[in-house]
C-alpha atoms as a PDB file:
ATOM      1  CA  MET A   1      -0.431   0.169   0.315  1.00  0.00           C
ATOM      2  CA  HIS A   2       1.424   3.519  -1.144  1.00  0.00           C
ATOM      3  CA  LEU A   3       0.891   6.744  -3.097  1.00  0.00           C
ATOM      4  CA  SER A   4       0.893   6.501  -6.378  1.00  0.00           C
ATOM      5  CA  ARG A   5       3.090   8.892  -8.566  1.00  0.00           C
ATOM      6  CA  HIS A   6      -0.812   9.993 -10.085  1.00  0.00           C
ATOM      7  CA  ASN A   7      -1.853  10.334  -6.178  1.00  0.00           C
ATOM      8  CA  LEU A   8       1.520  12.446  -5.645  1.00  0.00           C
ATOM      9  CA  LEU A   9       0.843  14.718  -8.484  1.00  0.00           C
ATOM     10  CA  LYS A  10      -2.793  14.892  -7.467  1.00  0.00           C
ATOM     11  CA  PHE A  11      -1.885  15.770  -3.905  1.00  0.00           C
ATOM     12  CA  GLY A  12       0.657  18.649  -5.088  1.00  0.00           C
ATOM     13  CA  THR A  13      -1.635  20.635  -7.110  1.00  0.00           C
ATOM     14  CA  GLU A  14      -4.940  19.911  -4.985  1.00  0.00           C
ATOM     15  CA  LYS A  15      -5.919  23.375  -3.666  1.00  0.00           C
ATOM     16  CA  ASN A  16      -8.117  22.122  -0.884  1.00  0.00           C
ATOM     17  CA  PRO A  17      -5.601  22.267   2.246  1.00  0.00           C
ATOM     18  CA  MET A  18      -7.786  20.236   4.434  1.00  0.00           C
ATOM     19  CA  LYS A  19      -7.460  17.089   1.446  1.00  0.00           C
ATOM     20  CA  GLN A  20      -4.308  17.636   1.094  1.00  0.00           C
ATOM     21  CA  LEU A  21      -3.666  16.522   5.203  1.00  0.00           C
ATOM     22  CA  VAL A  22      -5.849  13.785   4.603  1.00  0.00           C
ATOM     23  CA  ILE A  23      -4.132  12.072   2.387  1.00  0.00           C
ATOM     24  CA  LEU A  24      -0.923  12.984   3.415  1.00  0.00           C
ATOM     25  CA  ILE A  25      -1.786  11.060   6.326  1.00  0.00           C
ATOM     26  CA  ILE A  26      -3.048   8.247   4.344  1.00  0.00           C
ATOM     27  CA  GLY A  27      -0.107   7.897   2.293  1.00  0.00           C
ATOM     28  CA  LEU A  28       2.057   8.115   5.786  1.00  0.00           C
ATOM     29  CA  ALA A  29       0.086   5.919   7.610  1.00  0.00           C
ATOM     30  CA  SER A  30       0.409   3.286   4.598  1.00  0.00           C
ATOM     31  CA  PHE A  31       4.008   3.521   4.038  1.00  0.00           C
ATOM     32  CA  ALA A  32       4.569   3.251   7.888  1.00  0.00           C
ATOM     33  CA  ALA A  33       2.671   0.008   7.649  1.00  0.00           C
ATOM     34  CA  CYS A  34       4.688  -1.392   4.858  1.00  0.00           C
ATOM     35  CA  VAL A  35       7.994  -0.807   6.723  1.00  0.00           C
ATOM     36  CA  PRO A  36       8.954  -4.365   8.411  1.00  0.00           C
ATOM     37  CA  ALA A  37       9.455  -3.919  12.630  1.00  0.00           C
ATOM     38  CA  LYS A  38      13.697  -5.732  11.763  1.00  0.00           C
ATOM     39  CA  LYS A  39      13.937  -2.944   9.015  1.00  0.00           C
ATOM     40  CA  TYR A  40      13.531  -0.240  11.366  1.00  0.00           C
ATOM     41  CA  ASN A  41      15.378  -2.054  14.595  1.00  0.00           C
ATOM     42  CA  GLU A  42      18.436  -2.581  12.276  1.00  0.00           C
ATOM     43  CA  LEU A  43      17.620   1.741  11.630  1.00  0.00           C
ATOM     44  CA  VAL A  44      17.816   2.600  15.276  1.00  0.00           C
ATOM     45  CA  GLU A  45      20.948   0.379  15.773  1.00  0.00           C
ATOM     46  CA  ARG A  46      22.557   2.042  12.453  1.00  0.00           C
ATOM     47  CA  GLU A  47      21.920   5.267  14.146  1.00  0.00           C
ATOM     48  CA  LYS A  48      23.019   4.890  17.143  1.00  0.00           C
ATOM     49  CA  LEU A  49      26.540   3.661  15.982  1.00  0.00           C
ATOM     50  CA  CYS A  50      26.864   6.317  13.373  1.00  0.00           C
ATOM     51  CA  SER A  51      26.285   8.725  16.497  1.00  0.00           C
ATOM     52  CA  GLU A  52      29.101   7.399  18.310  1.00  0.00           C
ATOM     53  CA  GLU A  53      31.150   7.253  15.522  1.00  0.00           C
ATOM     54  CA  LEU A  54      30.272  10.650  14.564  1.00  0.00           C
ATOM     55  CA  GLU A  55      31.202  11.591  18.720  1.00  0.00           C
ATOM     56  CA  LYS A  56      34.542  10.004  18.068  1.00  0.00           C
ATOM     57  CA  TYR A  57      35.511  11.952  14.948  1.00  0.00           C
ATOM     58  CA  LYS A  58      34.140  15.603  16.137  1.00  0.00           C
ATOM     59  CA  SER A  59      36.696  14.933  18.956  1.00  0.00           C
ATOM     60  CA  SER A  60      39.357  13.993  16.508  1.00  0.00           C
ATOM     61  CA  SER A  61      38.563  16.833  13.835  1.00  0.00           C
ATOM     62  CA  ILE A  62      38.613  19.507  16.755  1.00  0.00           C
ATOM     63  CA  ASP A  63      42.043  17.828  18.405  1.00  0.00           C
ATOM     64  CA  ASN A  64      43.399  18.068  14.765  1.00  0.00           C
ATOM     65  CA  GLU A  65      42.364  21.453  14.104  1.00  0.00           C
ATOM     66  CA  GLY A  66      43.754  22.600  17.765  1.00  0.00           C
ATOM     67  CA  LYS A  67      47.605  20.802  15.964  1.00  0.00           C
ATOM     68  CA  ALA A  68      47.027  22.525  12.990  1.00  0.00           C
ATOM     69  CA  LYS A  69      46.263  26.242  14.964  1.00  0.00           C
ATOM     70  CA  ASP A  70      49.265  25.126  17.373  1.00  0.00           C
ATOM     71  CA  PHE A  71      51.579  24.129  14.139  1.00  0.00           C
ATOM     72  CA  GLU A  72      50.493  27.707  12.711  1.00  0.00           C
ATOM     73  CA  ALA A  73      51.596  29.583  15.810  1.00  0.00           C
ATOM     74  CA  ARG A  74      55.233  27.524  16.730  1.00  0.00           C
ATOM     75  CA  TYR A  75      56.268  27.927  12.391  1.00  0.00           C
ATOM     76  CA  ASP A  76      55.227  31.942  12.871  1.00  0.00           C
ATOM     77  CA  GLN A  77      57.429  31.945  16.009  1.00  0.00           C
ATOM     78  CA  LEU A  78      60.447  30.059  14.471  1.00  0.00           C
ATOM     79  CA  LYS A  79      60.288  32.894  11.785  1.00  0.00           C
ATOM     80  CA  LYS A  80      59.827  35.374  14.373  1.00  0.00           C
ATOM     81  CA  ASP A  81      62.831  33.917  16.262  1.00  0.00           C
ATOM     82  CA  VAL A  82      64.995  33.796  12.880  1.00  0.00           C
ATOM     83  CA  GLY A  83      64.453  37.724  12.676  1.00  0.00           C
ATOM     84  CA  THR A  84      65.247  38.504  16.589  1.00  0.00           C
ATOM     85  CA  LEU A  85      68.812  36.218  15.690  1.00  0.00           C
ATOM     86  CA  LYS A  86      69.413  37.845  12.787  1.00  0.00           C
ATOM     87  CA  LYS A  87      68.875  41.740  14.408  1.00  0.00           C
ATOM     88  CA  ASP A  88      71.016  40.248  17.426  1.00  0.00           C
ATOM     89  CA  THR A  89      73.739  38.998  14.972  1.00  0.00           C
ATOM     90  CA  LEU A  90      73.800  42.488  13.206  1.00  0.00           C
ATOM     91  CA  LYS A  91      74.208  43.817  17.223  1.00  0.00           C
ATOM     92  CA  LEU A  92      76.768  41.566  18.126  1.00  0.00           C
ATOM     93  CA  GLY A  93      78.934  42.131  14.613  1.00  0.00           C
ATOM     94  CA  SER A  94      78.722  45.757  15.323  1.00  0.00           C
ATOM     95  CA  ASP A  95      79.670  45.508  19.203  1.00  0.00           C
ATOM     96  CA  TYR A  96      82.869  43.222  17.918  1.00  0.00           C
ATOM     97  CA  ARG A  97      84.274  45.915  15.768  1.00  0.00           C
ATOM     98  CA  PHE A  98      83.615  48.715  17.902  1.00  0.00           C
ATOM     99  CA  LEU A  99      85.938  46.689  20.705  1.00  0.00           C
ATOM    100  CA  GLN A 100      88.194  45.867  18.354  1.00  0.00           C
ATOM    101  CA  ALA A 101      88.857  49.558  17.118  1.00  0.00           C
ATOM    102  CA  GLN A 102      89.297  50.174  20.943  1.00  0.00           C
ATOM    103  CA  TYR A 103      91.631  47.692  20.918  1.00  0.00           C
ATOM    104  CA  ASP A 104      93.892  48.363  18.264  1.00  0.00           C
ATOM    105  CA  LEU A 105      93.769  52.182  19.700  1.00  0.00           C
ATOM    106  CA  MET A 106      95.133  51.095  23.253  1.00  0.00           C
ATOM    107  CA  VAL A 107      97.530  48.870  21.232  1.00  0.00           C
ATOM    108  CA  ALA A 108      98.527  52.000  19.392  1.00  0.00           C
ATOM    109  CA  GLN A 109      98.574  54.361  22.825  1.00  0.00           C
ATOM    110  CA  ASN A 110     100.602  51.644  25.063  1.00  0.00           C
ATOM    111  CA  GLU A 111     103.597  51.463  21.987  1.00  0.00           C
ATOM    112  CA  ALA A 112     103.506  54.835  22.319  1.00  0.00           C
ATOM    113  CA  TYR A 113     103.855  55.071  26.331  1.00  0.00           C
ATOM    114  CA  GLU A 114     106.255  52.496  25.885  1.00  0.00           C
ATOM    115  CA  ARG A 115     108.533  54.799  23.422  1.00  0.00           C
ATOM    116  CA  LYS A 116     107.685  58.259  25.920  1.00  0.00           C
ATOM    117  CA  LEU A 117     109.086  55.938  28.656  1.00  0.00           C
ATOM    118  CA  ASP A 118     112.248  55.244  27.080  1.00  0.00           C
ATOM    119  CA  GLN A 119     112.597  58.955  26.094  1.00  0.00           C
ATOM    120  CA  MET A 120     112.143  60.091  29.899  1.00  0.00           C
ATOM    121  CA  ARG A 121     113.994  56.917  31.722  1.00  0.00           C
ATOM    122  CA  LEU A 122     116.607  60.129  31.687  1.00  0.00           C
ATOM    123  CA  SER A 123     114.218  62.692  32.855  1.00  0.00           C
ATOM    124  CA  GLY A 124     114.007  61.576  36.791  1.00  0.00           C
ATOM    125  CA  ALA A 125     112.771  58.804  38.924  1.00  0.00           C
ATOM    126  CA  LYS A 126     109.340  60.238  39.782  1.00  0.00           C
ATOM    127  CA  GLU A 127     107.931  61.119  36.569  1.00  0.00           C
ATOM    128  CA  THR A 128     109.209  57.126  35.274  1.00  0.00           C
ATOM    129  CA  ALA A 129     106.969  55.905  38.102  1.00  0.00           C
ATOM    130  CA  ASN A 130     104.105  57.638  37.331  1.00  0.00           C
ATOM    131  CA  TYR A 131     104.284  56.577  33.765  1.00  0.00           C
ATOM    132  CA  GLN A 132     105.208  53.026  34.945  1.00  0.00           C
ATOM    133  CA  ALA A 133     101.733  53.020  36.655  1.00  0.00           C
ATOM    134  CA  ASP A 134      99.652  54.380  34.101  1.00  0.00           C
ATOM    135  CA  ILE A 135     101.059  51.943  31.552  1.00  0.00           C
ATOM    136  CA  GLU A 136     100.080  49.366  34.229  1.00  0.00           C
ATOM    137  CA  ALA A 137      96.602  50.548  34.486  1.00  0.00           C
ATOM    138  CA  ARG A 138      96.247  50.747  30.820  1.00  0.00           C
ATOM    139  CA  ASN A 139      97.760  47.118  30.179  1.00  0.00           C
ATOM    140  CA  GLN A 140      95.201  46.021  32.539  1.00  0.00           C
ATOM    141  CA  GLU A 141      92.475  47.812  31.109  1.00  0.00           C
ATOM    142  CA  LEU A 142      93.672  46.086  27.791  1.00  0.00           C
ATOM    143  CA  LEU A 143      93.275  42.639  29.151  1.00  0.00           C
ATOM    144  CA  ARG A 144      89.857  43.154  29.993  1.00  0.00           C
ATOM    145  CA  LYS A 145      88.904  44.614  26.900  1.00  0.00           C
ATOM    146  CA  GLU A 146      90.568  42.045  25.239  1.00  0.00           C
ATOM    147  CA  GLU A 147      88.546  39.106  27.609  1.00  0.00           C
ATOM    148  CA  ALA A 148      85.687  40.830  26.616  1.00  0.00           C
ATOM    149  CA  LEU A 149      85.967  40.779  22.665  1.00  0.00           C
ATOM    150  CA  LYS A 150      87.407  37.136  23.190  1.00  0.00           C
ATOM    151  CA  ASN A 151      83.546  36.219  25.236  1.00  0.00           C
ATOM    152  CA  LEU A 152      81.994  38.532  22.530  1.00  0.00           C
ATOM    153  CA  GLU A 153      83.787  36.228  19.846  1.00  0.00           C
ATOM    154  CA  THR A 154      82.339  33.264  21.369  1.00  0.00           C
ATOM    155  CA  GLU A 155      78.679  34.698  21.782  1.00  0.00           C
ATOM    156  CA  LEU A 156      78.559  35.881  18.161  1.00  0.00           C
ATOM    157  CA  GLY A 157      79.982  32.461  17.255  1.00  0.00           C
ATOM    158  CA  ASN A 158      77.532  30.697  18.995  1.00  0.00           C
ATOM    159  CA  LYS A 159      74.352  33.063  17.923  1.00  0.00           C
ATOM    160  CA  GLN A 160      75.668  32.515  14.199  1.00  0.00           C
ATOM    161  CA  ARG A 161      75.239  28.286  15.121  1.00  0.00           C
ATOM    162  CA  LEU A 162      71.789  28.921  16.180  1.00  0.00           C
ATOM    163  CA  LEU A 163      71.027  31.072  13.708  1.00  0.00           C
ATOM    164  CA  GLU A 164      71.904  28.719  10.830  1.00  0.00           C
ATOM    165  CA  GLU A 165      70.123  26.097  12.998  1.00  0.00           C
ATOM    166  CA  ARG A 166      66.649  28.303  12.822  1.00  0.00           C
ATOM    167  CA  GLU A 167      67.299  28.875   9.331  1.00  0.00           C
ATOM    168  CA  ASN A 168      67.043  25.631   8.285  1.00  0.00           C
ATOM    169  CA  ARG A 169      64.353  24.476  10.242  1.00  0.00           C
ATOM    170  CA  VAL A 170      62.350  26.829   8.582  1.00  0.00           C
ATOM    171  CA  ASN A 171      63.367  25.575   5.217  1.00  0.00           C
ATOM    172  CA  GLU A 172      62.953  22.350   6.295  1.00  0.00           C
ATOM    173  CA  LEU A 173      59.404  23.075   7.209  1.00  0.00           C
ATOM    174  CA  GLU A 174      58.540  25.481   3.993  1.00  0.00           C
ATOM    175  CA  GLU A 175      59.563  22.414   1.837  1.00  0.00           C
ATOM    176  CA  MET A 176      57.782  19.880   3.443  1.00  0.00           C
ATOM    177  CA  ILE A 177      54.491  22.135   3.464  1.00  0.00           C
ATOM    178  CA  GLN A 178      55.543  22.591  -0.689  1.00  0.00           C
ATOM    179  CA  ARG A 179      55.738  18.775  -1.259  1.00  0.00           C
ATOM    180  CA  LYS A 180      52.620  18.705   0.510  1.00  0.00           C
ATOM    181  CA  ASP A 181      51.070  21.881  -1.353  1.00  0.00           C
ATOM    182  CA  ASP A 182      52.522  20.025  -4.532  1.00  0.00           C
ATOM    183  CA  ALA A 183      51.371  16.612  -3.527  1.00  0.00           C
ATOM    184  CA  MET A 184      47.548  17.738  -3.185  1.00  0.00           C
ATOM    185  CA  LYS A 185      47.600  19.836  -6.211  1.00  0.00           C
ATOM    186  CA  LEU A 186      48.635  16.711  -8.329  1.00  0.00           C
ATOM    187  CA  LEU A 187      45.838  14.567  -6.425  1.00  0.00           C
ATOM    188  CA  LYS A 188      43.241  16.869  -7.374  1.00  0.00           C
ATOM    189  CA  THR A 189      44.178  16.386 -11.157  1.00  0.00           C
ATOM    190  CA  LYS A 190      43.734  12.830 -10.592  1.00  0.00           C
ATOM    191  CA  VAL A 191      40.399  12.950  -9.461  1.00  0.00           C
ATOM    192  CA  ALA A 192      39.262  15.490 -11.636  1.00  0.00           C
ATOM    193  CA  ASN A 193      40.255  12.919 -14.630  1.00  0.00           C
ATOM    194  CA  ALA A 194      38.649  10.170 -12.655  1.00  0.00           C
ATOM    195  CA  LEU A 195      35.421  11.938 -12.531  1.00  0.00           C
ATOM    196  CA  LYS A 196      35.511  14.115 -15.333  1.00  0.00           C
ATOM    197  CA  GLY A 197      32.275  12.292 -16.715  1.00  0.00           C
ATOM    198  CA  PHE A 198      30.266  13.307 -14.063  1.00  0.00           C
ATOM    199  CA  GLU A 199      31.003  16.861 -14.273  1.00  0.00           C
ATOM    200  CA  ASN A 200      27.403  18.390 -15.838  1.00  0.00           C
ATOM    201  CA  LYS A 201      25.614  15.637 -13.094  1.00  0.00           C
ATOM    202  CA  GLY A 202      26.011  17.791 -10.048  1.00  0.00           C
ATOM    203  CA  LEU A 203      29.642  17.195  -9.539  1.00  0.00           C
ATOM    204  CA  THR A 204      32.161  19.407  -8.381  1.00  0.00           C
ATOM    205  CA  VAL A 205      36.375  19.047  -7.616  1.00  0.00           C
ATOM    206  CA  VAL A 206      37.589  22.302  -6.251  1.00  0.00           C
ATOM    207  CA  GLU A 207      41.438  22.553  -3.989  1.00  0.00           C
ATOM    208  CA  LYS A 208      41.627  25.351  -1.240  1.00  0.00           C
ATOM    209  CA  ASN A 209      43.299  25.723   1.403  1.00  0.00           C
ATOM    210  CA  GLY A 210      45.524  22.936   0.879  1.00  0.00           C
ATOM    211  CA  LYS A 211      42.550  20.337   0.945  1.00  0.00           C
ATOM    212  CA  ILE A 212      40.487  18.738  -1.915  1.00  0.00           C
ATOM    213  CA  TYR A 213      36.774  19.137  -1.514  1.00  0.00           C
ATOM    214  CA  VAL A 214      34.673  17.186  -4.291  1.00  0.00           C
ATOM    215  CA  SER A 215      31.247  17.987  -4.389  1.00  0.00           C
ATOM    216  CA  LEU A 216      28.115  15.468  -4.888  1.00  0.00           C
ATOM    217  CA  GLU A 217      24.599  16.568  -5.235  1.00  0.00           C
ATOM    218  CA  ALA A 218      21.922  14.452  -3.972  1.00  0.00           C
ATOM    219  CA  LYS A 219      19.941  14.020  -6.982  1.00  0.00           C
ATOM    220  CA  LEU A 220      23.170  11.679  -8.378  1.00  0.00           C
ATOM    221  CA  LEU A 221      23.201   9.624  -5.273  1.00  0.00           C
ATOM    222  CA  PHE A 222      19.472   9.482  -3.755  1.00  0.00           C
ATOM    223  CA  GLN A 223      15.696   9.725  -4.336  1.00  0.00           C
ATOM    224  CA  SER A 224      14.488  12.092  -2.543  1.00  0.00           C
ATOM    225  CA  GLY A 225      14.527  11.163   1.440  1.00  0.00           C
ATOM    226  CA  LYS A 226      16.453   7.943   0.808  1.00  0.00           C
ATOM    227  CA  THR A 227      19.484   6.795   1.896  1.00  0.00           C
ATOM    228  CA  ASP A 228      20.564   4.018  -0.702  1.00  0.00           C
ATOM    229  CA  VAL A 229      23.012   5.211  -3.420  1.00  0.00           C
ATOM    230  CA  GLU A 230      21.800   5.019  -6.847  1.00  0.00           C
ATOM    231  CA  VAL A 231      23.948   3.175  -9.538  1.00  0.00           C
ATOM    232  CA  GLU A 232      24.940   6.051 -11.224  1.00  0.00           C
ATOM    233  CA  GLY A 233      25.701   8.189  -7.937  1.00  0.00           C
ATOM    234  CA  LYS A 234      27.837   4.780  -6.671  1.00  0.00           C
ATOM    235  CA  LYS A 235      29.734   4.512  -9.766  1.00  0.00           C
ATOM    236  CA  ALA A 236      31.236   8.007  -9.418  1.00  0.00           C
ATOM    237  CA  LEU A 237      32.121   7.060  -5.490  1.00  0.00           C
ATOM    238  CA  ILE A 238      33.834   3.767  -6.874  1.00  0.00           C
ATOM    239  CA  ASP A 239      35.813   5.938  -9.607  1.00  0.00           C
ATOM    240  CA  LEU A 240      37.048   8.039  -6.844  1.00  0.00           C
ATOM    241  CA  ALA A 241      37.700   5.047  -4.336  1.00  0.00           C
ATOM    242  CA  LYS A 242      40.000   3.386  -6.594  1.00  0.00           C
ATOM    243  CA  VAL A 243      42.166   7.235  -6.999  1.00  0.00           C
ATOM    244  CA  LEU A 244      42.709   7.597  -3.449  1.00  0.00           C
ATOM    245  CA  GLU A 245      43.357   3.728  -2.157  1.00  0.00           C
ATOM    246  CA  SER A 246      46.714   4.285  -3.034  1.00  0.00           C
ATOM    247  CA  GLU A 247      47.143   7.416  -0.940  1.00  0.00           C
ATOM    248  CA  LYS A 248      47.637   6.370   2.547  1.00  0.00           C
ATOM    249  CA  ASP A 249      49.009   9.897   3.908  1.00  0.00           C
ATOM    250  CA  LEU A 250      45.531  11.373   4.050  1.00  0.00           C
ATOM    251  CA  GLU A 251      42.547  12.073   6.417  1.00  0.00           C
ATOM    252  CA  ILE A 252      39.389  12.045   4.682  1.00  0.00           C
ATOM    253  CA  ILE A 253      35.687  13.372   5.789  1.00  0.00           C
ATOM    254  CA  VAL A 254      32.538  12.645   4.381  1.00  0.00           C
ATOM    255  CA  GLU A 255      29.869  15.346   5.101  1.00  0.00           C
ATOM    256  CA  GLY A 256      26.276  14.390   4.649  1.00  0.00           C
ATOM    257  CA  HIS A 257      24.073  17.965   3.558  1.00  0.00           C
ATOM    258  CA  THR A 258      20.537  18.606   3.571  1.00  0.00           C
ATOM    259  CA  ASP A 259      18.130  21.715   2.850  1.00  0.00           C
ATOM    260  CA  THR A 260      15.791  23.195   5.765  1.00  0.00           C
ATOM    261  CA  ASP A 261      12.743  20.925   4.261  1.00  0.00           C
ATOM    262  CA  LYS A 262      11.920  19.206   7.568  1.00  0.00           C
ATOM    263  CA  LEU A 263      11.126  15.154   7.825  1.00  0.00           C
ATOM    264  CA  VAL A 264       7.846  14.395   8.997  1.00  0.00           C
ATOM    265  CA  SER A 265       7.903  10.551   9.255  1.00  0.00           C
ATOM    266  CA  ALA A 266       7.423   7.833  12.095  1.00  0.00           C
ATOM    267  CA  ASN A 267      10.067   6.102  10.916  1.00  0.00           C
ATOM    268  CA  HIS A 268      14.152   6.200   9.864  1.00  0.00           C
ATOM    269  CA  PRO A 269      15.828   8.987   8.791  1.00  0.00           C
ATOM    270  CA  LYS A 270      13.368  11.102  11.035  1.00  0.00           C
ATOM    271  CA  SER A 271      15.281  14.135  10.910  1.00  0.00           C
ATOM    272  CA  ASN A 272      17.675  16.091   8.668  1.00  0.00           C
ATOM    273  CA  TRP A 273      20.296  14.950  10.875  1.00  0.00           C
ATOM    274  CA  GLU A 274      19.903  11.315  10.633  1.00  0.00           C
ATOM    275  CA  LEU A 275      19.226  11.662   6.702  1.00  0.00           C
ATOM    276  CA  SER A 276      22.543  13.388   6.745  1.00  0.00           C
ATOM    277  CA  VAL A 277      24.366  10.681   8.608  1.00  0.00           C
ATOM    278  CA  LEU A 278      22.889   8.161   7.110  1.00  0.00           C
ATOM    279  CA  ARG A 279      23.979   9.278   3.766  1.00  0.00           C
ATOM    280  CA  ALA A 280      27.737   9.894   4.469  1.00  0.00           C
ATOM    281  CA  THR A 281      27.625   6.504   6.344  1.00  0.00           C
ATOM    282  CA  ALA A 282      26.396   4.667   3.120  1.00  0.00           C
ATOM    283  CA  VAL A 283      28.896   6.850   0.646  1.00  0.00           C
ATOM    284  CA  VAL A 284      32.212   5.770   3.153  1.00  0.00           C
ATOM    285  CA  GLU A 285      30.533   2.220   3.049  1.00  0.00           C
ATOM    286  CA  ILE A 286      30.747   2.040  -0.870  1.00  0.00           C
ATOM    287  CA  MET A 287      33.977   3.439  -0.944  1.00  0.00           C
ATOM    288  CA  THR A 288      35.543   1.228   1.478  1.00  0.00           C
ATOM    289  CA  GLY A 289      33.398  -1.841   0.005  1.00  0.00           C
ATOM    290  CA  ASN A 290      34.609  -1.262  -3.331  1.00  0.00           C
ATOM    291  CA  SER A 291      38.285  -0.206  -3.037  1.00  0.00           C
ATOM    292  CA  LYS A 292      41.654  -1.159  -0.826  1.00  0.00           C
ATOM    293  CA  MET A 293      40.818   1.993   1.013  1.00  0.00           C
ATOM    294  CA  ASN A 294      42.333   2.267   4.704  1.00  0.00           C
ATOM    295  CA  PRO A 295      39.187   2.407   6.888  1.00  0.00           C
ATOM    296  CA  ALA A 296      41.010   4.671   9.233  1.00  0.00           C
ATOM    297  CA  GLN A 297      41.350   7.413   6.856  1.00  0.00           C
ATOM    298  CA  LEU A 298      37.893   8.050   6.652  1.00  0.00           C
ATOM    299  CA  MET A 299      35.185   9.616   8.940  1.00  0.00           C
ATOM    300  CA  ALA A 300      31.167   9.878   8.231  1.00  0.00           C
ATOM    301  CA  ALA A 301      29.637  13.078   9.646  1.00  0.00           C
ATOM    302  CA  GLY A 302      26.298  15.051   9.057  1.00  0.00           C
ATOM    303  CA  ARG A 303      25.942  18.668   9.286  1.00  0.00           C
ATOM    304  CA  SER A 304      22.200  18.623   8.352  1.00  0.00           C
ATOM    305  CA  GLU A 305      21.289  21.657   7.052  1.00  0.00           C
ATOM    306  CA  TYR A 306      22.832  24.174   8.783  1.00  0.00           C
ATOM    307  CA  HIS A 307      26.013  24.541   6.239  1.00  0.00           C
ATOM    308  CA  PRO A 308      24.207  25.974   3.186  1.00  0.00           C
ATOM    309  CA  VAL A 309      26.278  26.368   0.140  1.00  0.00           C
ATOM    310  CA  ASP A 310      23.179  28.515  -1.830  1.00  0.00           C
ATOM    311  CA  PRO A 311      20.685  29.363   0.558  1.00  0.00           C
ATOM    312  CA  LYS A 312      18.153  30.398  -2.111  1.00  0.00           C
ATOM    313  CA  ASP A 313      18.838  27.122  -3.928  1.00  0.00           C
ATOM    314  CA  LYS A 314      17.897  23.940  -2.338  1.00  0.00           C
ATOM    315  CA  ALA A 315      19.272  21.493  -4.552  1.00  0.00           C
ATOM    316  CA  LYS A 316      22.734  23.054  -4.107  1.00  0.00           C
ATOM    317  CA  ASN A 317      22.381  22.359  -0.265  1.00  0.00           C
ATOM    318  CA  ARG A 318      21.157  18.731  -0.514  1.00  0.00           C
ATOM    319  CA  ARG A 319      24.779  17.468  -1.012  1.00  0.00           C
ATOM    320  CA  ILE A 320      27.441  14.748   0.364  1.00  0.00           C
ATOM    321  CA  GLU A 321      31.309  16.709   0.675  1.00  0.00           C
ATOM    322  CA  ILE A 322      34.051  14.452   0.645  1.00  0.00           C
ATOM    323  CA  ILE A 323      37.083  16.687   1.990  1.00  0.00           C
ATOM    324  CA  ILE A 324      40.533  15.404   1.364  1.00  0.00           C
ATOM    325  CA  SER A 325      42.758  16.919   3.472  1.00  0.00           C
ATOM    326  CA  PRO A 326      46.603  16.049   4.063  1.00  0.00           C
ATOM    327  CA  ASN A 327      48.197  14.349   7.263  1.00  0.00           C
ATOM    328  CA  LEU A 328      49.869  16.599   9.552  1.00  0.00           C
ATOM    329  CA  ASN A 329      51.679  14.403  11.792  1.00  0.00           C
ATOM    330  CA  GLU A 330      54.859  14.364  10.035  1.00  0.00           C
ATOM    331  CA  LEU A 331      54.870  18.368  10.244  1.00  0.00           C
ATOM    332  CA  PHE A 332      53.961  18.155  13.909  1.00  0.00           C
ATOM    333  CA  GLN A 333      56.817  15.845  14.894  1.00  0.00           C
ATOM    334  CA  LEU A 334      59.295  17.970  12.953  1.00  0.00           C
ATOM    335  CA  ILE A 335      57.999  21.109  15.385  1.00  0.00           C
ATOM    336  CA  GLY A 336      58.241  18.862  18.384  1.00  0.00           C
ATOM    337  CA  GLN A 337      61.803  18.178  17.404  1.00  0.00           C
END
């Protein structure tokens, strides 16, 4: 027992609101009567598992976002440290040259005093003693400045080594980031080529902020209100999975999105939240079940109606988004060192 296509069309064009409500109630009651209790229980259990998995991956997503922010902050701090070290090195170099000039001047003065002392030895013992004391004092000052000069040389060498180490670390980080960016651009090209046949059927591939976003409109994957993937949509998902199965250094999030139309049903899915999660889970199962993808790389999540891409176009908001991002653990380990 169900509403025929003719009755649905008649319901859509009926001008009497009371008749519309009666027909809708009869249709929903008939549909509910046709759903076996076993199917209902399976959906309830599936919803529970999806909710638990979603909570786990939400926590993981928040943790990764925190790591990414920490990486950016520490990366910026390294660059600031390099700038500070460069300034310190310039100042130490300037101090070193200043002391060297003073040192050379005092050496010349000391030599002049010694020559004068030789000339005045015949002038008297008292004057000679005064000059001798002055020369001794200058010699002591000269030794002090020489020691300070050596300390500055040591400190300058340490600063220069530290500067070189920091610059090497920054260069290593920049090279690693560039390699990951290049790899994501190449992967985006591979994904776009693999899904080229679906470009005009509600599928788009975009690379931004170092991630790849594969967006599939619901019309390509599902019938209205359903969670079973259609044949053509299944083919697109399998083609995508075949490209990704050899990429082991990725994290993939499959997000379900709905429009703002509320679901009115005693059966599952009962809400847009549930519909978005079940659809995301169905996509993950197809991708992992038809390829060698590592299930640990994927996460299924539901966004319901709260992340629309076009508030004026409900069809665009009903979609599955597959977000492909590089694994940043290697970068975090390098910064931690």
